[in-house]
C-alpha cells in the first residue's frame, strides 16, 4: 500500500516538474519569437523609411529644400509633380528606352547564363573549372575599371549612342546568373537526362524540355536581379549615349538636377515612377524568387 502511494506521489511530482519545465520552455520560446518579431519590424521600418520619405516628398509642391524626416508628409499634397516629371526632359521616351534596354538585356542574360550554367553543370570538358572560376573572378572587378576599354571597344564596333550597345554590354554581366543556375542544374537527377537520351532527345531538347522547366525558381531569381541591375544602371548609359532621345531613366532623372535649384518633389516623383516596373517584376516572380535563391545558393 505504501509502495503504491509512493509511486503515485513520485508520478505526480514528475508530472509537475515536466509541466514546469514545459512552461519555462514555452515562455522562453515566446520571448525569443517576440524578440525576433521586434527585430524584423525594426529592420522593416529602417528599410522602408527612405521610400516613405521619397513618396511623401513626391506629393510636395515647390520643394526646393529637403525637410526633416519628421515633416516629410505635405500639408497640401498634389499630383502636379508627377505630371511635370512625366512631361519634362523626355521622361516618357526615357521610360520606353529603359523598358526596351532592360527587357532585352535581361532576356540575353537569362539565355546566356542558363546555357553556360547547364554546360558547366552537366558536361565534363577540359578547362571547365578554370573557365567557371575565371568567370566568377570577373565579379570582383569594379565596373568603373572597365568603362574606358568598354567604350573603346563599343566605339570601334559602332555600338555607342544606340540601344543595341546598351543591351549587349548589360547582357554580358552574367557571372552571378551562371553561378546561381549551375548549382541548381547540378541537383537535377541524372536519371532524368538518361531517360531523355533513351527517348531520343538531343542536347537542346533536353535543355529546353527538362532542365529549364525544373529550374524556374532559379530563373526567376536571375531575372529579378538582372532586370533590377539593367534598369538602374547609370554609368555606362551616360557614358555611351549623348542623344537625349536615347537616355534611359537614371540619366533622365539626373537631368532634373540643377545648379540653380532642384525641385525635389519632381525628382522624387520621377523616382517613384521609375521603381514601379521593378516592383511589378518582383511581384510577378516573388513566389519562386526565395526558393530559387535558397536552392541555387546552397547547392552552388
Protein backbone atom coordinates (compact mmCIF):
# COMPACT_ATOMS: atom_id res chain seq x y z
CA UNK A 1 0.00 0.00 0.00
CA UNK A 2 2.82 2.41 0.94
CA UNK A 3 4.69 1.48 -2.20
CA UNK A 4 1.67 2.31 -4.32
CA UNK A 5 1.24 5.67 -2.57
CA UNK A 6 4.91 6.49 -3.03
CA UNK A 7 4.75 5.61 -6.71
CA UNK A 8 1.68 7.80 -7.27
CA UNK A 9 3.36 10.64 -5.37
CA UNK A 10 6.54 10.30 -7.45
CA UNK A 11 4.45 10.25 -10.61
CA UNK A 12 2.65 13.46 -9.63
CA UNK A 13 5.94 15.15 -8.76
CA UNK A 14 7.41 14.06 -12.10
CA UNK A 15 4.40 15.36 -14.00
CA UNK A 16 4.52 18.63 -12.03
CA UNK A 17 8.22 19.02 -12.84
CA UNK A 18 7.59 18.26 -16.53
CA UNK A 19 4.81 20.86 -16.67
CA UNK A 20 7.03 23.47 -15.04
CA UNK A 21 9.82 22.66 -17.46
CA UNK A 22 7.47 22.89 -20.44
CA UNK A 23 6.07 26.14 -19.09
CA UNK A 24 9.57 27.58 -18.76
CA UNK A 25 10.48 26.36 -22.23
CA UNK A 26 7.32 27.78 -23.78
CA UNK A 27 7.94 31.11 -22.05
CA UNK A 28 11.47 31.20 -23.45
CA UNK A 29 10.20 30.33 -26.93
CA UNK A 30 7.58 33.08 -26.76
CA UNK A 31 10.17 35.61 -25.61
CA UNK A 32 12.57 34.57 -28.35
CA UNK A 33 9.87 34.79 -31.01
CA UNK A 34 8.76 38.18 -29.71
CA UNK A 35 12.35 39.44 -29.87
CA UNK A 36 12.66 38.10 -33.42
CA UNK A 37 9.48 39.89 -34.49
CA UNK A 38 10.65 43.14 -32.91
CA UNK A 39 13.95 42.92 -34.78
CA UNK A 40 12.13 42.20 -38.04
CA UNK A 41 9.77 45.14 -37.51
CA UNK A 42 12.69 47.44 -36.71
CA UNK A 43 14.53 46.26 -39.83
CA UNK A 44 11.42 46.79 -41.96
CA UNK A 45 11.00 50.33 -40.61
CA UNK A 46 14.64 51.13 -41.35
CA UNK A 47 14.37 49.74 -44.88
CA UNK A 48 11.03 51.40 -45.69
CA UNK A 49 11.79 54.82 -44.20
CA UNK A 50 13.67 56.16 -47.26
CA UNK A 51 10.84 55.03 -49.53
CA UNK A 52 8.24 56.66 -47.30
CA UNK A 53 10.30 59.87 -47.30
CA UNK A 54 10.58 59.81 -51.09
CA UNK A 55 6.88 59.07 -51.53
CA UNK A 56 5.84 61.85 -49.17
CA UNK A 57 8.03 64.47 -50.83
CA UNK A 58 6.83 63.43 -54.29
CA UNK A 59 3.45 64.99 -53.39
CA UNK A 60 5.00 68.20 -52.00
CA UNK A 61 4.71 71.26 -54.30
CA UNK A 62 7.70 73.54 -54.90
CA UNK A 63 10.02 71.60 -52.59
CA UNK A 64 13.37 73.21 -53.37
CA UNK A 65 14.67 72.34 -49.91
CA UNK A 66 14.66 68.96 -48.20
CA UNK A 67 12.58 68.97 -44.99
CA UNK A 68 13.47 66.97 -41.92
CA UNK A 69 12.35 63.32 -41.90
CA UNK A 70 9.68 64.16 -39.31
CA UNK A 71 7.99 66.63 -41.73
CA UNK A 72 8.06 64.57 -44.92
CA UNK A 73 4.23 64.42 -45.26
CA UNK A 74 2.95 67.51 -47.13
CA UNK A 75 0.17 69.63 -45.73
CA UNK A 76 -1.32 70.09 -49.21
CA UNK A 77 -0.41 67.08 -51.39
CA UNK A 78 -0.55 67.45 -55.15
CA UNK A 79 -0.09 65.29 -58.25
CA UNK A 80 1.49 68.15 -60.19
CA UNK A 81 4.97 66.76 -59.59
CA UNK A 82 4.05 63.51 -61.33
CA UNK A 83 2.63 65.38 -64.31
CA UNK A 84 5.75 67.53 -64.57
CA UNK A 85 8.06 64.55 -64.12
CA UNK A 86 6.38 62.63 -66.95
CA UNK A 87 6.21 65.53 -69.39
CA UNK A 88 9.61 67.17 -68.75
CA UNK A 89 13.03 66.07 -70.08
CA UNK A 90 11.55 63.41 -72.41
CA UNK A 91 10.74 61.23 -69.41
CA UNK A 92 8.23 59.17 -71.37
CA UNK A 93 10.82 58.44 -74.07
CA UNK A 94 13.39 57.56 -71.41
CA UNK A 95 10.88 55.21 -69.79
CA UNK A 96 10.34 53.49 -73.14
CA UNK A 97 14.11 53.24 -73.70
CA UNK A 98 14.59 51.68 -70.27
CA UNK A 99 11.86 49.11 -70.92
CA UNK A 100 13.45 48.10 -74.25
CA UNK A 101 17.01 48.01 -72.91
CA UNK A 102 16.25 46.32 -69.59
CA UNK A 103 13.96 43.66 -71.09
CA UNK A 104 16.34 42.96 -73.97
CA UNK A 105 19.40 42.75 -71.73
CA UNK A 106 17.57 40.61 -69.18
CA UNK A 107 16.46 38.16 -71.87
CA UNK A 108 20.02 37.98 -73.19
CA UNK A 109 21.45 37.46 -69.70
CA UNK A 110 18.99 34.71 -68.78
CA UNK A 111 19.51 32.96 -72.12
CA UNK A 112 23.32 33.00 -72.00
CA UNK A 113 23.57 32.32 -68.26
CA UNK A 114 21.25 29.32 -68.45
CA UNK A 115 23.07 27.73 -71.39
CA UNK A 116 26.50 28.29 -69.85
CA UNK A 117 25.37 27.06 -66.44
CA UNK A 118 23.88 23.91 -67.99
CA UNK A 119 27.14 23.19 -69.81
CA UNK A 120 29.21 23.73 -66.66
CA UNK A 121 26.88 21.57 -64.56
CA UNK A 122 26.15 18.59 -66.81
CA UNK A 123 29.16 18.15 -69.09
CA UNK A 124 32.80 17.37 -68.43
CA UNK A 125 35.36 19.02 -70.67
CA UNK A 126 38.97 20.22 -70.28
CA UNK A 127 39.31 23.55 -68.51
CA UNK A 128 35.75 23.51 -67.19
CA UNK A 129 36.66 24.60 -63.68
CA UNK A 130 39.18 27.17 -64.91
CA UNK A 131 36.57 28.80 -67.14
CA UNK A 132 33.90 28.74 -64.44
CA UNK A 133 36.03 30.23 -61.67
CA UNK A 134 37.58 32.66 -64.12
CA UNK A 135 34.09 33.90 -64.91
CA UNK A 136 33.32 34.24 -61.21
CA UNK A 137 36.52 36.23 -60.77
CA UNK A 138 35.12 38.92 -63.08
CA UNK A 139 32.61 39.73 -60.34
CA UNK A 140 35.44 41.13 -58.24
CA UNK A 141 36.42 43.70 -60.88
CA UNK A 142 34.77 47.11 -60.27
CA UNK A 143 32.60 48.23 -63.16
CA UNK A 144 34.29 51.65 -63.28
CA UNK A 145 37.60 49.99 -64.18
CA UNK A 146 36.05 48.61 -67.38
CA UNK A 147 34.40 51.81 -68.58
CA UNK A 148 37.27 53.00 -70.81
CA UNK A 149 38.04 49.66 -72.52
CA UNK A 150 34.32 49.03 -72.97
CA UNK A 151 33.86 52.45 -74.54
CA UNK A 152 36.83 52.00 -76.89
CA UNK A 153 35.59 48.57 -77.99
CA UNK A 154 32.00 49.75 -78.39
CA UNK A 155 33.16 52.78 -80.42
CA UNK A 156 35.11 50.60 -82.83
CA UNK A 157 32.13 48.27 -83.24
CA UNK A 158 29.69 51.12 -83.75
CA UNK A 159 27.75 50.32 -80.57
CA UNK A 160 27.85 53.74 -78.93
CA UNK A 161 24.85 56.05 -78.89
CA UNK A 162 22.33 53.29 -79.62
CA UNK A 163 20.17 50.88 -77.65
CA UNK A 164 21.87 47.77 -79.02
CA UNK A 165 25.16 48.79 -77.40
CA UNK A 166 23.44 49.16 -74.03
CA UNK A 167 21.73 45.78 -74.36
CA UNK A 168 24.93 43.93 -75.28
CA UNK A 169 27.01 45.49 -72.50
CA UNK A 170 24.33 44.90 -69.88
CA UNK A 171 23.68 41.37 -71.12
CA UNK A 172 27.36 40.48 -70.73
CA UNK A 173 27.10 40.73 -66.95
CA UNK A 174 26.04 37.14 -66.42
CA UNK A 175 28.58 35.70 -63.94
CA UNK A 176 26.20 35.70 -60.98
CA UNK A 177 23.43 34.14 -63.06
CA UNK A 178 25.77 31.36 -64.19
CA UNK A 179 26.81 30.69 -60.59
CA UNK A 180 23.21 30.53 -59.36
CA UNK A 181 21.89 28.35 -62.18
CA UNK A 182 24.87 25.98 -62.17
CA UNK A 183 24.14 24.98 -58.59
CA UNK A 184 20.52 24.34 -59.48
CA UNK A 185 21.27 22.29 -62.60
CA UNK A 186 23.74 20.12 -60.69
CA UNK A 187 20.99 18.93 -58.36
CA UNK A 188 18.71 17.65 -61.13
CA UNK A 189 18.85 13.82 -61.04
CA UNK A 190 20.96 12.34 -63.80
CA UNK A 191 18.27 9.69 -64.35
CA UNK A 192 16.03 12.31 -65.97
CA UNK A 193 18.65 13.15 -68.56
CA UNK A 194 19.39 9.46 -69.16
CA UNK A 195 15.70 8.79 -69.75
CA UNK A 196 15.51 11.73 -72.16
CA UNK A 197 18.54 10.40 -74.07
CA UNK A 198 16.90 6.98 -74.35
CA UNK A 199 13.76 8.65 -75.74
CA UNK A 200 15.90 10.28 -78.42
CA UNK A 201 16.18 13.80 -77.02
CA UNK A 202 19.25 15.73 -78.09
CA UNK A 203 21.17 18.26 -76.05
CA UNK A 204 18.99 21.25 -76.90
CA UNK A 205 15.72 19.32 -76.46
CA UNK A 206 16.89 18.06 -73.06
CA UNK A 207 17.90 21.56 -72.05
CA UNK A 208 14.66 23.15 -73.22
CA UNK A 209 12.15 20.49 -72.12
CA UNK A 210 13.70 19.18 -68.90
CA UNK A 211 16.35 21.46 -67.43
CA UNK A 212 14.66 24.84 -67.91
CA UNK A 213 11.21 23.88 -66.53
CA UNK A 214 12.81 22.39 -63.42
CA UNK A 215 14.98 25.48 -62.94
CA UNK A 216 12.13 28.00 -62.95
CA UNK A 217 12.78 29.21 -59.36
CA UNK A 218 16.43 29.94 -60.16
CA UNK A 219 15.47 31.52 -63.48
CA UNK A 220 13.04 33.81 -61.64
CA UNK A 221 15.80 34.91 -59.25
CA UNK A 222 18.21 35.59 -62.12
CA UNK A 223 15.50 37.51 -63.97
CA UNK A 224 14.78 39.78 -61.00
CA UNK A 225 18.44 40.51 -60.26
CA UNK A 226 19.29 41.10 -63.90
CA UNK A 227 16.29 43.34 -64.59
CA UNK A 228 16.96 45.44 -61.48
CA UNK A 229 20.64 45.88 -62.38
CA UNK A 230 19.86 46.79 -66.01
CA UNK A 231 17.01 49.12 -65.04
CA UNK A 232 19.12 51.07 -62.53
CA UNK A 233 22.44 51.23 -64.42
CA UNK A 234 23.67 54.80 -64.87
CA UNK A 235 27.40 54.96 -65.56
CA UNK A 236 27.55 53.14 -68.90
CA UNK A 237 24.28 54.73 -70.08
CA UNK A 238 25.53 58.27 -69.60
CA UNK A 239 28.98 57.40 -70.99
CA UNK A 240 27.87 55.74 -74.21
CA UNK A 241 24.92 57.97 -75.15
CA UNK A 242 24.82 61.67 -75.90
CA UNK A 243 21.46 61.78 -77.67
CA UNK A 244 18.62 62.81 -75.33
CA UNK A 245 16.20 60.57 -77.23
CA UNK A 246 18.27 57.53 -76.19
CA UNK A 247 18.57 58.34 -72.48
CA UNK A 248 17.39 55.73 -70.01
CA UNK A 249 15.55 56.61 -66.79
CA UNK A 250 18.59 57.07 -64.49
CA UNK A 251 20.09 59.53 -66.97
CA UNK A 252 16.77 61.31 -67.48
CA UNK A 253 16.26 61.71 -63.73
CA UNK A 254 19.77 63.15 -63.44
CA UNK A 255 18.69 65.91 -65.84
CA UNK A 256 16.25 67.26 -63.23
CA UNK A 257 19.15 68.36 -61.04
CA UNK A 258 20.14 71.99 -61.48
CA UNK A 259 22.97 74.10 -60.16
CA UNK A 260 20.49 76.94 -59.55
CA UNK A 261 17.98 74.89 -57.61
CA UNK A 262 16.45 71.41 -57.71
CA UNK A 263 12.74 70.77 -57.27
CA UNK A 264 12.97 67.65 -55.12
CA UNK A 265 9.27 66.98 -55.47
CA UNK A 266 9.68 66.39 -59.20
CA UNK A 267 12.88 64.37 -58.67
CA UNK A 268 11.19 62.07 -56.17
CA UNK A 269 8.06 61.80 -58.30
CA UNK A 270 10.21 60.67 -61.22
CA UNK A 271 11.98 58.21 -58.90
CA UNK A 272 8.67 56.74 -57.75
CA UNK A 273 7.60 56.25 -61.37
CA UNK A 274 10.96 54.66 -62.11
CA UNK A 275 10.71 51.99 -59.41
CA UNK A 276 7.20 50.83 -60.34
CA UNK A 277 8.36 48.34 -63.04
CA UNK A 278 10.86 46.81 -60.60
CA UNK A 279 8.10 46.29 -58.04
CA UNK A 280 5.91 44.75 -60.74
CA UNK A 281 8.64 42.31 -61.80
CA UNK A 282 9.23 41.29 -58.18
CA UNK A 283 5.51 40.73 -57.57
CA UNK A 284 5.30 38.52 -60.65
CA UNK A 285 8.23 36.30 -59.65
CA UNK A 286 8.15 36.62 -55.84
CA UNK A 287 6.86 33.09 -55.18
CA UNK A 288 9.78 31.49 -56.96
CA UNK A 289 12.35 34.13 -56.03
CA UNK A 290 13.08 32.98 -52.47
CA UNK A 291 13.14 29.28 -53.34
CA UNK A 292 15.44 30.00 -56.28
CA UNK A 293 17.91 31.95 -54.12
CA UNK A 294 17.86 29.26 -51.43
CA UNK A 295 18.29 26.38 -53.87
CA UNK A 296 20.94 27.98 -56.08
CA UNK A 297 22.92 29.46 -53.19
CA UNK A 298 23.01 26.31 -51.07
CA UNK A 299 23.51 23.86 -53.90
CA UNK A 300 26.15 26.00 -55.58
